[in-house]
């Protein structure tokens, strides 16, 4: 039965366009035990490592995802020729503020940056990196913003606790390019992806 579960999970991960959580897997497997699923995932990951596979199992954004190894990205790029997806310095600064200060309203973001951020917030929402969490119970009931699962997936974070510390951030230059992604196989027409970033794809970096 463990071998069968492992094969089923591998097939689900193979076709999924986003990381699959343990709970999602349990539902598909008619509520199989969590421990049994984790054991199957560990076995699957070990098999990929043992045979030196071109892909590996990654725990990211609250779930698991099959990803291609970085050393093969040059050949994959030749095949799919992805268009570069970039964020401006202002967008990266705004995204960082939302990531570290969430839940946060627009007024607080603009107070930190000192400039209007309406257009940038719309751009980040279009790219599905931030989302509206609700409205704050103050006059005007402003929208509250937070990051998305897609944000975690793109930056290869299991959850927000893996965000670098302020000291680590200061030691790095803020990247201006969103990590490229690759899906294998490509999902068909679910309409969930941004037109500017193919977020259904799995990271090569």
Protein backbone atom coordinates (compact mmCIF):
# COMPACT_ATOMS: atom_id res chain seq x y z
CA UNK A 1 0.00 0.00 0.00
CA UNK A 2 2.88 2.38 0.75
CA UNK A 3 4.27 1.83 -2.76
CA UNK A 4 0.86 2.57 -4.25
CA UNK A 5 0.49 5.77 -2.19
CA UNK A 6 3.96 6.85 -3.23
CA UNK A 7 3.09 6.35 -6.90
CA UNK A 8 -0.20 8.19 -6.52
CA UNK A 9 1.49 11.12 -4.78
CA UNK A 10 4.17 11.28 -7.45
CA UNK A 11 1.51 11.48 -10.16
CA UNK A 12 -0.34 14.24 -8.28
CA UNK A 13 2.83 16.25 -7.77
CA UNK A 14 3.78 15.75 -11.40
CA UNK A 15 0.61 17.37 -12.76
CA UNK A 16 0.00 19.98 -10.02
CA UNK A 17 0.52 23.62 -11.01
CA UNK A 18 1.20 24.70 -7.41
CA UNK A 19 2.61 23.15 -4.22
CA UNK A 20 0.32 20.50 -2.73
CA UNK A 21 -0.31 20.58 1.01
CA UNK A 22 -0.55 17.46 3.14
CA UNK A 23 -4.22 18.21 3.75
CA UNK A 24 -4.91 18.42 0.00
CA UNK A 25 -3.18 15.08 -0.52
CA UNK A 26 -5.18 13.52 2.31
CA UNK A 27 -8.45 14.56 0.68
CA UNK A 28 -7.44 13.06 -2.66
CA UNK A 29 -6.35 9.86 -0.91
CA UNK A 30 -9.62 9.58 1.05
CA UNK A 31 -8.10 10.89 4.29
CA UNK A 32 -5.09 8.60 4.49
CA UNK A 33 -2.97 9.05 7.61
CA UNK A 34 -0.65 12.06 7.64
CA UNK A 35 2.28 9.95 8.79
CA UNK A 36 1.80 7.53 5.91
CA UNK A 37 1.81 10.39 3.41
CA UNK A 38 4.94 11.93 4.92
CA UNK A 39 6.73 8.58 4.81
CA UNK A 40 5.79 8.19 1.14
CA UNK A 41 7.04 11.70 0.35
CA UNK A 42 10.33 11.06 2.17
CA UNK A 43 10.76 7.81 0.25
CA UNK A 44 10.05 9.58 -3.03
CA UNK A 45 12.53 12.36 -2.25
CA UNK A 46 15.15 9.78 -1.30
CA UNK A 47 14.68 7.91 -4.58
CA UNK A 48 15.22 11.11 -6.59
CA UNK A 49 18.42 11.79 -4.68
CA UNK A 50 19.70 8.21 -4.91
CA UNK A 51 19.41 8.03 -8.68
CA UNK A 52 20.69 11.56 -9.29
CA UNK A 53 17.40 12.59 -10.90
CA UNK A 54 17.02 15.80 -12.92
CA UNK A 55 14.35 16.91 -10.48
CA UNK A 56 13.80 16.88 -6.71
CA UNK A 57 11.01 17.23 -4.18
CA UNK A 58 10.83 20.67 -2.55
CA UNK A 59 8.82 21.72 0.50
CA UNK A 60 7.66 25.26 -0.24
CA UNK A 61 4.70 27.60 0.39
CA UNK A 62 3.04 25.21 2.81
CA UNK A 63 3.19 22.25 0.45
CA UNK A 64 5.36 20.03 -1.75
CA UNK A 65 6.40 20.48 -5.37
CA UNK A 66 8.54 18.64 -7.92
CA UNK A 67 11.22 21.01 -9.25
CA UNK A 68 13.99 20.78 -11.81
CA UNK A 69 17.56 21.04 -10.59
CA UNK A 70 19.29 24.42 -11.14
CA UNK A 71 22.16 22.92 -13.16
CA UNK A 72 19.75 22.06 -15.98
CA UNK A 73 18.22 25.53 -16.26
CA UNK A 74 20.33 26.60 -19.32
CA UNK A 75 18.82 23.81 -21.45
CA UNK A 76 15.31 24.39 -20.14
CA UNK A 77 15.61 28.09 -20.97
CA UNK A 78 16.57 27.17 -24.53
CA UNK A 79 13.38 25.14 -24.81
CA UNK A 80 10.83 27.50 -23.27
CA UNK A 81 12.67 30.84 -23.75
CA UNK A 82 10.91 32.52 -20.82
CA UNK A 83 10.41 36.28 -20.89
CA UNK A 84 12.16 37.98 -17.97
CA UNK A 85 9.78 39.03 -15.19
CA UNK A 86 11.12 42.02 -13.31
CA UNK A 87 10.09 44.24 -10.45
CA UNK A 88 11.26 47.82 -10.07
CA UNK A 89 13.21 48.90 -7.02
CA UNK A 90 10.10 50.71 -5.75
CA UNK A 91 7.99 47.56 -6.18
CA UNK A 92 10.58 45.45 -4.36
CA UNK A 93 10.67 47.95 -1.48
CA UNK A 94 6.88 47.95 -1.25
CA UNK A 95 6.72 44.15 -1.38
CA UNK A 96 9.33 43.94 1.39
CA UNK A 97 7.31 46.30 3.58
CA UNK A 98 4.16 44.23 3.10
CA UNK A 99 6.06 40.99 3.75
CA UNK A 100 7.63 42.18 7.01
CA UNK A 101 4.84 44.41 8.35
CA UNK A 102 1.71 42.46 7.32
CA UNK A 103 -1.13 42.83 7.95
CA UNK A 104 -0.68 46.44 6.82
CA UNK A 105 -2.77 49.20 5.24
CA UNK A 106 -1.79 51.46 2.35
CA UNK A 107 -1.42 54.55 4.56
CA UNK A 108 1.20 52.81 6.71
CA UNK A 109 3.09 51.61 3.62
CA UNK A 110 3.15 55.14 2.21
CA UNK A 111 4.23 56.55 5.58
CA UNK A 112 7.27 54.22 5.53
CA UNK A 113 8.16 54.88 1.87
CA UNK A 114 7.18 58.53 1.84
CA UNK A 115 5.45 58.32 -1.55
CA UNK A 116 2.14 57.24 -3.06
CA UNK A 117 2.00 53.44 -3.49
CA UNK A 118 -1.41 52.90 -5.09
CA UNK A 119 -0.08 51.95 -8.52
CA UNK A 120 2.61 49.69 -7.09
CA UNK A 121 0.12 47.87 -4.89
CA UNK A 122 -2.08 47.23 -7.91
CA UNK A 123 0.91 45.87 -9.83
CA UNK A 124 1.85 43.53 -6.98
CA UNK A 125 -1.74 42.29 -6.79
CA UNK A 126 -1.81 41.70 -10.56
CA UNK A 127 1.34 39.62 -10.19
CA UNK A 128 -0.38 37.75 -7.33
CA UNK A 129 2.39 38.54 -4.86
CA UNK A 130 0.09 40.35 -2.41
CA UNK A 131 -3.62 40.11 -1.64
CA UNK A 132 -6.34 41.92 0.31
CA UNK A 133 -6.90 40.33 3.72
CA UNK A 134 -9.90 42.45 4.67
CA UNK A 135 -10.62 45.95 5.96
CA UNK A 136 -9.30 47.62 9.09
CA UNK A 137 -11.93 48.72 11.63
CA UNK A 138 -10.98 52.42 11.57
CA UNK A 139 -12.58 55.43 9.83
CA UNK A 140 -12.63 54.85 6.09
CA UNK A 141 -12.21 51.08 6.58
CA UNK A 142 -8.99 50.88 4.50
CA UNK A 143 -7.93 47.65 2.83
CA UNK A 144 -5.44 45.42 4.64
CA UNK A 145 -2.66 43.81 2.59
CA UNK A 146 -0.59 40.66 3.04
CA UNK A 147 1.54 38.35 0.90
CA UNK A 148 0.25 35.30 -0.96
CA UNK A 149 1.22 31.64 -1.21
CA UNK A 150 2.56 32.53 -4.63
CA UNK A 151 4.96 34.95 -2.95
CA UNK A 152 6.26 32.10 -0.79
CA UNK A 153 6.57 29.83 -3.81
CA UNK A 154 8.47 32.36 -5.93
CA UNK A 155 10.95 33.14 -3.19
CA UNK A 156 11.22 29.49 -2.11
CA UNK A 157 9.98 29.96 1.46
CA UNK A 158 8.14 27.32 3.48
CA UNK A 159 6.41 30.10 5.43
CA UNK A 160 6.99 33.68 6.57
CA UNK A 161 9.29 32.59 9.40
CA UNK A 162 11.90 31.87 6.73
CA UNK A 163 12.10 35.53 5.68
CA UNK A 164 15.68 36.79 6.15
CA UNK A 165 16.38 38.96 9.17
CA UNK A 166 16.91 42.73 8.69
CA UNK A 167 20.64 42.14 9.21
CA UNK A 168 20.70 39.53 6.45
CA UNK A 169 18.76 41.84 4.14
CA UNK A 170 21.24 44.67 4.68
CA UNK A 171 24.07 42.36 3.65
CA UNK A 172 22.42 41.67 0.28
CA UNK A 173 21.52 43.82 -2.67
CA UNK A 174 17.76 43.62 -3.30
CA UNK A 175 17.12 41.47 -6.42
CA UNK A 176 15.29 43.14 -9.28
CA UNK A 177 14.25 39.92 -11.01
CA UNK A 178 11.59 37.49 -9.87
CA UNK A 179 12.82 33.88 -9.89
CA UNK A 180 12.04 32.10 -13.16
CA UNK A 181 9.67 29.19 -13.03
CA UNK A 182 9.08 25.94 -14.87
CA UNK A 183 6.09 23.64 -14.93
CA UNK A 184 6.35 20.06 -16.09
CA UNK A 185 3.89 19.43 -17.59
CA UNK A 186 2.21 22.77 -18.40
CA UNK A 187 -1.28 23.22 -16.87
CA UNK A 188 -4.10 23.96 -19.28
CA UNK A 189 -6.17 27.11 -19.16
CA UNK A 190 -7.09 27.48 -15.50
CA UNK A 191 -6.81 31.26 -15.89
CA UNK A 192 -5.19 31.66 -12.48
CA UNK A 193 -1.84 33.04 -13.62
CA UNK A 194 -0.78 36.63 -14.10
CA UNK A 195 -0.24 37.63 -17.74
CA UNK A 196 3.17 39.02 -16.80
CA UNK A 197 4.54 36.14 -14.72
CA UNK A 198 3.85 32.47 -15.38
CA UNK A 199 3.48 31.57 -11.72
CA UNK A 200 2.35 28.03 -12.43
CA UNK A 201 5.92 27.14 -13.28
CA UNK A 202 8.40 25.60 -10.95
CA UNK A 203 11.55 27.34 -9.89
CA UNK A 204 14.86 26.63 -11.57
CA UNK A 205 16.86 28.65 -9.08
